[in-house]
Amino acid sequence: MRTLVKICGITSVADAVAARESGADAIGLVFYEPSSRAIQAPLATQICHAVGPFVTTVGLFVNEEADVIRTVLATTPLQVLQFHGDETAEFCEQFQRPYLKAVRVQSSRDVETAFADHPRAIGILLDTYVKGVAGGTGRRFNWSLIPEDLRSKCIVAGGLTPENVSEAVQSIRPLGVDVSGGVEASPGVKDPKAMARFCKASELLK
């Protein structure tokens, strides 16, 4: 058995293809200008076409205007949207795409509220809370804050690396894991060997 793997913050066709060859189930494309991993729609479109039909392409937005998101969707074949800000369920559901809702975890209540407020989300992504930072902190949060009954339904992010993802998978048994900086050679540039190790380490040992 293997936990689903998303490699986020892809910034080049080469990194996208390497992620696919490493065994990633999904890649994340960041449409958030303050991020060091942000890209524009033309490059995102090239990346989507390069990875082919069997790797899910996820577009990440943070409190973006609806019209901006629609403009991206008009040219870029994103399969899933990921909302990493304060978006309501009504906002997330208007684009006629499956979506993930991210929450920065400070308490168990944060996790429970995210699931309750976004019942139509195809997944809830749990990330580390750092004041003023939307995500991609490279820091791990306290996994014990995830309620037992929700662990198999969540996607865990925040500070994961090839060295600790196995621990996360074994202790939480989540639906999926999400990594960005933990498999990079430098900010925004992925390390193919690290991606391969991460995907291998995500296998759930019986």
C-alpha atoms as a PDB file:
ATOM      1  CA  MET A   1       0.000   0.000   0.000  1.00  0.00           C
ATOM      2  CA  ARG A   2       1.193   3.539  -0.714  1.00  0.00           C
ATOM      3  CA  THR A   3      -0.087   6.849   0.549  1.00  0.00           C
ATOM      4  CA  LEU A   4      -0.933   9.295  -2.240  1.00  0.00           C
ATOM      5  CA  VAL A   5       1.825  11.827  -2.908  1.00  0.00           C
ATOM      6  CA  LYS A   6       1.557  15.421  -4.119  1.00  0.00           C
ATOM      7  CA  ILE A   7       4.713  17.346  -4.965  1.00  0.00           C
ATOM      8  CA  CYS A   8       3.936  21.035  -4.782  1.00  0.00           C
ATOM      9  CA  GLY A   9       5.701  24.135  -6.036  1.00  0.00           C
ATOM     10  CA  ILE A  10       6.682  22.752  -9.439  1.00  0.00           C
ATOM     11  CA  THR A  11       8.277  25.539 -11.490  1.00  0.00           C
ATOM     12  CA  SER A  12       9.569  23.832 -14.641  1.00  0.00           C
ATOM     13  CA  VAL A  13       8.645  21.188 -17.175  1.00  0.00           C
ATOM     14  CA  ALA A  14      11.754  19.214 -16.236  1.00  0.00           C
ATOM     15  CA  ASP A  15      10.787  19.117 -12.568  1.00  0.00           C
ATOM     16  CA  ALA A  16       7.231  18.110 -13.456  1.00  0.00           C
ATOM     17  CA  VAL A  17       8.413  15.192 -15.584  1.00  0.00           C
ATOM     18  CA  ALA A  18      10.861  14.143 -12.849  1.00  0.00           C
ATOM     19  CA  ALA A  19       8.017  14.226 -10.307  1.00  0.00           C
ATOM     20  CA  ARG A  20       5.935  11.970 -12.536  1.00  0.00           C
ATOM     21  CA  GLU A  21       8.832   9.576 -13.038  1.00  0.00           C
ATOM     22  CA  SER A  22       9.396   9.514  -9.281  1.00  0.00           C
ATOM     23  CA  GLY A  23       5.872   8.192  -8.807  1.00  0.00           C
ATOM     24  CA  ALA A  24       4.009  11.317  -7.696  1.00  0.00           C
ATOM     25  CA  ASP A  25       0.231  11.111  -7.977  1.00  0.00           C
ATOM     26  CA  ALA A  26      -0.204  14.890  -8.239  1.00  0.00           C
ATOM     27  CA  ILE A  27       1.789  18.062  -8.738  1.00  0.00           C
ATOM     28  CA  GLY A  28       1.032  21.502  -7.358  1.00  0.00           C
ATOM     29  CA  LEU A  29       1.329  24.712  -9.364  1.00  0.00           C
ATOM     30  CA  VAL A  30       1.434  27.895  -7.291  1.00  0.00           C
ATOM     31  CA  PHE A  31      -0.505  30.961  -8.473  1.00  0.00           C
ATOM     32  CA  TYR A  32       0.432  33.178  -5.541  1.00  0.00           C
ATOM     33  CA  GLU A  33       2.865  35.934  -6.420  1.00  0.00           C
ATOM     34  CA  PRO A  34       4.557  36.330  -3.009  1.00  0.00           C
ATOM     35  CA  SER A  35       5.718  32.705  -3.187  1.00  0.00           C
ATOM     36  CA  SER A  36       9.208  31.898  -4.466  1.00  0.00           C
ATOM     37  CA  ARG A  37       7.555  29.038  -6.352  1.00  0.00           C
ATOM     38  CA  ALA A  38       4.923  31.137  -8.141  1.00  0.00           C
ATOM     39  CA  ILE A  39       4.468  30.642 -11.889  1.00  0.00           C
ATOM     40  CA  GLN A  40       2.292  32.174 -14.595  1.00  0.00           C
ATOM     41  CA  ALA A  41      -0.423  30.509 -16.656  1.00  0.00           C
ATOM     42  CA  PRO A  42       1.603  29.985 -19.898  1.00  0.00           C
ATOM     43  CA  LEU A  43       4.280  27.947 -18.100  1.00  0.00           C
ATOM     44  CA  ALA A  44       1.651  26.137 -16.034  1.00  0.00           C
ATOM     45  CA  THR A  45      -0.080  25.106 -19.261  1.00  0.00           C
ATOM     46  CA  GLN A  46       3.178  23.678 -20.639  1.00  0.00           C
ATOM     47  CA  ILE A  47       3.700  21.748 -17.426  1.00  0.00           C
ATOM     48  CA  CYS A  48       0.167  20.318 -17.455  1.00  0.00           C
ATOM     49  CA  HIS A  49       0.635  19.034 -20.975  1.00  0.00           C
ATOM     50  CA  ALA A  50       4.093  17.648 -20.191  1.00  0.00           C
ATOM     51  CA  VAL A  51       2.998  15.429 -17.296  1.00  0.00           C
ATOM     52  CA  GLY A  52       0.233  13.798 -19.333  1.00  0.00           C
ATOM     53  CA  PRO A  53      -3.200  12.537 -18.305  1.00  0.00           C
ATOM     54  CA  PHE A  54      -2.405  10.340 -15.305  1.00  0.00           C
ATOM     55  CA  VAL A  55      -0.825  12.881 -12.937  1.00  0.00           C
ATOM     56  CA  THR A  56      -3.332  15.197 -11.285  1.00  0.00           C
ATOM     57  CA  THR A  57      -2.531  18.874 -11.799  1.00  0.00           C
ATOM     58  CA  VAL A  58      -3.447  21.081  -8.836  1.00  0.00           C
ATOM     59  CA  GLY A  59      -3.572  24.880  -8.961  1.00  0.00           C
ATOM     60  CA  LEU A  60      -2.895  26.613  -5.653  1.00  0.00           C
ATOM     61  CA  PHE A  61      -4.487  29.997  -4.887  1.00  0.00           C
ATOM     62  CA  VAL A  62      -4.445  32.208  -1.782  1.00  0.00           C
ATOM     63  CA  ASN A  63      -7.373  34.606  -1.319  1.00  0.00           C
ATOM     64  CA  GLU A  64      -7.373  35.296  -5.060  1.00  0.00           C
ATOM     65  CA  GLU A  65     -10.059  37.173  -6.972  1.00  0.00           C
ATOM     66  CA  ALA A  66     -12.556  34.856  -8.661  1.00  0.00           C
ATOM     67  CA  ASP A  67     -12.028  36.503 -12.054  1.00  0.00           C
ATOM     68  CA  VAL A  68      -8.287  35.882 -11.863  1.00  0.00           C
ATOM     69  CA  ILE A  69      -8.874  32.198 -11.168  1.00  0.00           C
ATOM     70  CA  ARG A  70     -11.312  31.969 -14.078  1.00  0.00           C
ATOM     71  CA  THR A  71      -8.735  33.563 -16.378  1.00  0.00           C
ATOM     72  CA  VAL A  72      -6.181  30.923 -15.385  1.00  0.00           C
ATOM     73  CA  LEU A  73      -8.714  28.132 -15.889  1.00  0.00           C
ATOM     74  CA  ALA A  74      -9.567  29.420 -19.361  1.00  0.00           C
ATOM     75  CA  THR A  75      -6.090  28.495 -20.610  1.00  0.00           C
ATOM     76  CA  THR A  76      -4.596  26.052 -18.129  1.00  0.00           C
ATOM     77  CA  PRO A  77      -6.011  22.508 -17.815  1.00  0.00           C
ATOM     78  CA  LEU A  78      -5.951  22.269 -14.033  1.00  0.00           C
ATOM     79  CA  GLN A  79      -7.818  19.257 -12.710  1.00  0.00           C
ATOM     80  CA  VAL A  80      -8.067  20.293  -9.055  1.00  0.00           C
ATOM     81  CA  LEU A  81      -7.988  23.645  -7.248  1.00  0.00           C
ATOM     82  CA  GLN A  82      -6.326  24.138  -3.867  1.00  0.00           C
ATOM     83  CA  PHE A  83      -7.379  27.058  -1.701  1.00  0.00           C
ATOM     84  CA  HIS A  84      -4.829  28.067   0.904  1.00  0.00           C
ATOM     85  CA  GLY A  85      -6.397  31.218   2.314  1.00  0.00           C
ATOM     86  CA  ASP A  86      -9.639  32.185   4.012  1.00  0.00           C
ATOM     87  CA  GLU A  87     -11.931  31.067   1.190  1.00  0.00           C
ATOM     88  CA  THR A  88     -15.472  29.990   2.055  1.00  0.00           C
ATOM     89  CA  ALA A  89     -17.057  26.836   0.711  1.00  0.00           C
ATOM     90  CA  GLU A  90     -19.318  28.954  -1.496  1.00  0.00           C
ATOM     91  CA  PHE A  91     -16.277  30.631  -3.057  1.00  0.00           C
ATOM     92  CA  CYS A  92     -14.413  27.353  -3.603  1.00  0.00           C
ATOM     93  CA  GLU A  93     -17.371  25.596  -5.206  1.00  0.00           C
ATOM     94  CA  GLN A  94     -18.118  28.216  -7.881  1.00  0.00           C
ATOM     95  CA  PHE A  95     -15.424  27.081 -10.346  1.00  0.00           C
ATOM     96  CA  GLN A  96     -16.883  23.670 -11.195  1.00  0.00           C
ATOM     97  CA  ARG A  97     -13.653  21.893 -10.255  1.00  0.00           C
ATOM     98  CA  PRO A  98     -12.891  19.459  -7.447  1.00  0.00           C
ATOM     99  CA  TYR A  99     -11.045  21.318  -4.720  1.00  0.00           C
ATOM    100  CA  LEU A 100      -8.788  20.904  -1.724  1.00  0.00           C
ATOM    101  CA  LYS A 101      -9.050  23.244   1.252  1.00  0.00           C
ATOM    102  CA  ALA A 102      -5.909  23.906   3.251  1.00  0.00           C
ATOM    103  CA  VAL A 103      -5.907  24.751   6.938  1.00  0.00           C
ATOM    104  CA  ARG A 104      -2.977  25.866   9.064  1.00  0.00           C
ATOM    105  CA  VAL A 105      -3.257  23.799  12.210  1.00  0.00           C
ATOM    106  CA  GLN A 106      -3.060  25.276  15.699  1.00  0.00           C
ATOM    107  CA  SER A 107      -5.576  22.987  17.393  1.00  0.00           C
ATOM    108  CA  SER A 108      -7.733  19.932  16.794  1.00  0.00           C
ATOM    109  CA  ARG A 109     -10.664  22.305  16.463  1.00  0.00           C
ATOM    110  CA  ASP A 110      -9.066  23.835  13.346  1.00  0.00           C
ATOM    111  CA  VAL A 111      -9.127  20.435  11.652  1.00  0.00           C
ATOM    112  CA  GLU A 112     -12.694  19.645  12.688  1.00  0.00           C
ATOM    113  CA  THR A 113     -13.901  23.060  11.536  1.00  0.00           C
ATOM    114  CA  ALA A 114     -12.258  22.703   8.126  1.00  0.00           C
ATOM    115  CA  PHE A 115     -14.027  19.400   7.496  1.00  0.00           C
ATOM    116  CA  ALA A 116     -17.350  20.787   8.737  1.00  0.00           C
ATOM    117  CA  ASP A 117     -17.134  24.006   6.726  1.00  0.00           C
ATOM    118  CA  HIS A 118     -16.062  22.344   3.458  1.00  0.00           C
ATOM    119  CA  PRO A 119     -18.115  19.129   3.189  1.00  0.00           C
ATOM    120  CA  ARG A 120     -17.806  19.049  -0.625  1.00  0.00           C
ATOM    121  CA  ALA A 121     -14.018  19.384  -0.690  1.00  0.00           C
ATOM    122  CA  ILE A 122     -12.326  16.273  -2.075  1.00  0.00           C
ATOM    123  CA  GLY A 123      -9.661  16.665   0.583  1.00  0.00           C
ATOM    124  CA  ILE A 124      -8.572  18.767   3.544  1.00  0.00           C
ATOM    125  CA  LEU A 125      -4.867  19.611   3.554  1.00  0.00           C
ATOM    126  CA  LEU A 126      -3.266  20.215   6.936  1.00  0.00           C
ATOM    127  CA  ASP A 127      -0.290  22.557   7.062  1.00  0.00           C
ATOM    128  CA  THR A 128       1.794  24.244   9.726  1.00  0.00           C
ATOM    129  CA  TYR A 129       0.634  27.536  11.186  1.00  0.00           C
ATOM    130  CA  VAL A 130       3.162  30.358  10.995  1.00  0.00           C
ATOM    131  CA  LYS A 131       1.776  33.854  11.505  1.00  0.00           C
ATOM    132  CA  GLY A 132       1.621  35.816   8.253  1.00  0.00           C
ATOM    133  CA  VAL A 133       2.752  32.899   6.074  1.00  0.00           C
ATOM    134  CA  ALA A 134       0.229  31.110   3.830  1.00  0.00           C
ATOM    135  CA  GLY A 135       2.233  27.915   3.521  1.00  0.00           C
ATOM    136  CA  GLY A 136       5.507  26.391   2.400  1.00  0.00           C
ATOM    137  CA  THR A 137       7.127  27.071   5.772  1.00  0.00           C
ATOM    138  CA  GLY A 138       9.196  23.889   5.867  1.00  0.00           C
ATOM    139  CA  ARG A 139       8.054  23.368   9.453  1.00  0.00           C
ATOM    140  CA  ARG A 140       6.252  20.386  10.873  1.00  0.00           C
ATOM    141  CA  PHE A 141       3.168  20.724  13.084  1.00  0.00           C
ATOM    142  CA  ASN A 142       2.059  18.540  15.973  1.00  0.00           C
ATOM    143  CA  TRP A 143       0.454  15.546  14.269  1.00  0.00           C
ATOM    144  CA  SER A 144      -1.277  14.509  17.504  1.00  0.00           C
ATOM    145  CA  LEU A 145      -3.658  17.453  16.936  1.00  0.00           C
ATOM    146  CA  ILE A 146      -5.324  15.542  14.071  1.00  0.00           C
ATOM    147  CA  PRO A 147      -8.478  13.857  15.432  1.00  0.00           C
ATOM    148  CA  GLU A 148      -8.289  10.069  15.137  1.00  0.00           C
ATOM    149  CA  ASP A 149     -11.489   9.788  13.118  1.00  0.00           C
ATOM    150  CA  LEU A 150     -10.263  12.290  10.487  1.00  0.00           C
ATOM    151  CA  ARG A 151      -6.718  11.049   9.946  1.00  0.00           C
ATOM    152  CA  SER A 152      -7.515   8.748   7.042  1.00  0.00           C
ATOM    153  CA  LYS A 153      -9.340  11.589   5.259  1.00  0.00           C
ATOM    154  CA  CYS A 154      -6.649  14.268   5.423  1.00  0.00           C
ATOM    155  CA  ILE A 155      -3.587  15.248   3.424  1.00  0.00           C
ATOM    156  CA  VAL A 156      -0.609  16.081   5.614  1.00  0.00           C
ATOM    157  CA  ALA A 157       1.870  18.825   4.689  1.00  0.00           C
ATOM    158  CA  GLY A 158       4.379  20.950   6.558  1.00  0.00           C
ATOM    159  CA  GLY A 159       8.032  20.107   6.971  1.00  0.00           C
ATOM    160  CA  LEU A 160       7.895  16.680   5.333  1.00  0.00           C
ATOM    161  CA  THR A 161      11.103  15.240   3.864  1.00  0.00           C
ATOM    162  CA  PRO A 162      12.268  11.871   2.512  1.00  0.00           C
ATOM    163  CA  GLU A 163      13.638  11.243   6.001  1.00  0.00           C
ATOM    164  CA  ASN A 164      10.440  11.798   8.012  1.00  0.00           C
ATOM    165  CA  VAL A 165       7.559  11.056   5.653  1.00  0.00           C
ATOM    166  CA  SER A 166       7.590   7.370   6.592  1.00  0.00           C
ATOM    167  CA  GLU A 167       7.040   8.348  10.226  1.00  0.00           C
ATOM    168  CA  ALA A 168       4.080  10.501   9.195  1.00  0.00           C
ATOM    169  CA  VAL A 169       2.557   7.738   7.105  1.00  0.00           C
ATOM    170  CA  GLN A 170       3.002   5.079   9.775  1.00  0.00           C
ATOM    171  CA  SER A 171       1.692   7.181  12.664  1.00  0.00           C
ATOM    172  CA  ILE A 172      -1.152   9.060  10.946  1.00  0.00           C
ATOM    173  CA  ARG A 173      -2.058   6.829   7.990  1.00  0.00           C
ATOM    174  CA  PRO A 174      -3.390   9.826   6.036  1.00  0.00           C
ATOM    175  CA  LEU A 175      -5.063   9.859   2.670  1.00  0.00           C
ATOM    176  CA  GLY A 176      -2.050  11.675   1.244  1.00  0.00           C
ATOM    177  CA  VAL A 177       1.118  13.639   1.903  1.00  0.00           C
ATOM    178  CA  ASP A 178       2.231  16.912   0.335  1.00  0.00           C
ATOM    179  CA  VAL A 179       5.826  18.109  -0.025  1.00  0.00           C
ATOM    180  CA  SER A 180       7.523  21.134  -1.526  1.00  0.00           C
ATOM    181  CA  GLY A 181      10.705  22.454   0.088  1.00  0.00           C
ATOM    182  CA  GLY A 182      11.575  19.040   1.503  1.00  0.00           C
ATOM    183  CA  VAL A 183      12.530  17.769  -1.973  1.00  0.00           C
ATOM    184  CA  GLU A 184      14.272  20.859  -3.317  1.00  0.00           C
ATOM    185  CA  ALA A 185      17.868  21.423  -4.343  1.00  0.00           C
ATOM    186  CA  SER A 186      17.268  25.182  -3.977  1.00  0.00           C
ATOM    187  CA  PRO A 187      14.125  27.334  -3.601  1.00  0.00           C
ATOM    188  CA  GLY A 188      11.785  26.450  -6.468  1.00  0.00           C
ATOM    189  CA  VAL A 189      14.106  23.806  -7.965  1.00  0.00           C
ATOM    190  CA  LYS A 190      13.292  20.179  -7.240  1.00  0.00           C
ATOM    191  CA  ASP A 191      15.849  17.406  -6.662  1.00  0.00           C
ATOM    192  CA  PRO A 192      14.830  14.337  -8.713  1.00  0.00           C
ATOM    193  CA  LYS A 193      16.587  11.923  -6.348  1.00  0.00           C
ATOM    194  CA  ALA A 194      14.892  13.472  -3.316  1.00  0.00           C
ATOM    195  CA  MET A 195      11.496  13.225  -5.009  1.00  0.00           C
ATOM    196  CA  ALA A 196      12.095   9.551  -5.768  1.00  0.00           C
ATOM    197  CA  ARG A 197      13.160   8.865  -2.177  1.00  0.00           C
ATOM    198  CA  PHE A 198      10.118  10.702  -0.865  1.00  0.00           C
ATOM    199  CA  CYS A 199       7.699   8.693  -2.994  1.00  0.00           C
ATOM    200  CA  LYS A 200       9.392   5.427  -2.026  1.00  0.00           C
ATOM    201  CA  ALA A 201       9.330   6.330   1.664  1.00  0.00           C
ATOM    202  CA  SER A 202       5.596   7.069   1.490  1.00  0.00           C
ATOM    203  CA  GLU A 203       4.834   3.387   1.065  1.00  0.00           C
ATOM    204  CA  LEU A 204       2.768   2.131   3.983  1.00  0.00           C
ATOM    205  CA  LEU A 205       4.451  -0.867   5.592  1.00  0.00           C
ATOM    206  CA  LYS A 206       2.113  -3.433   7.118  1.00  0.00           C
END
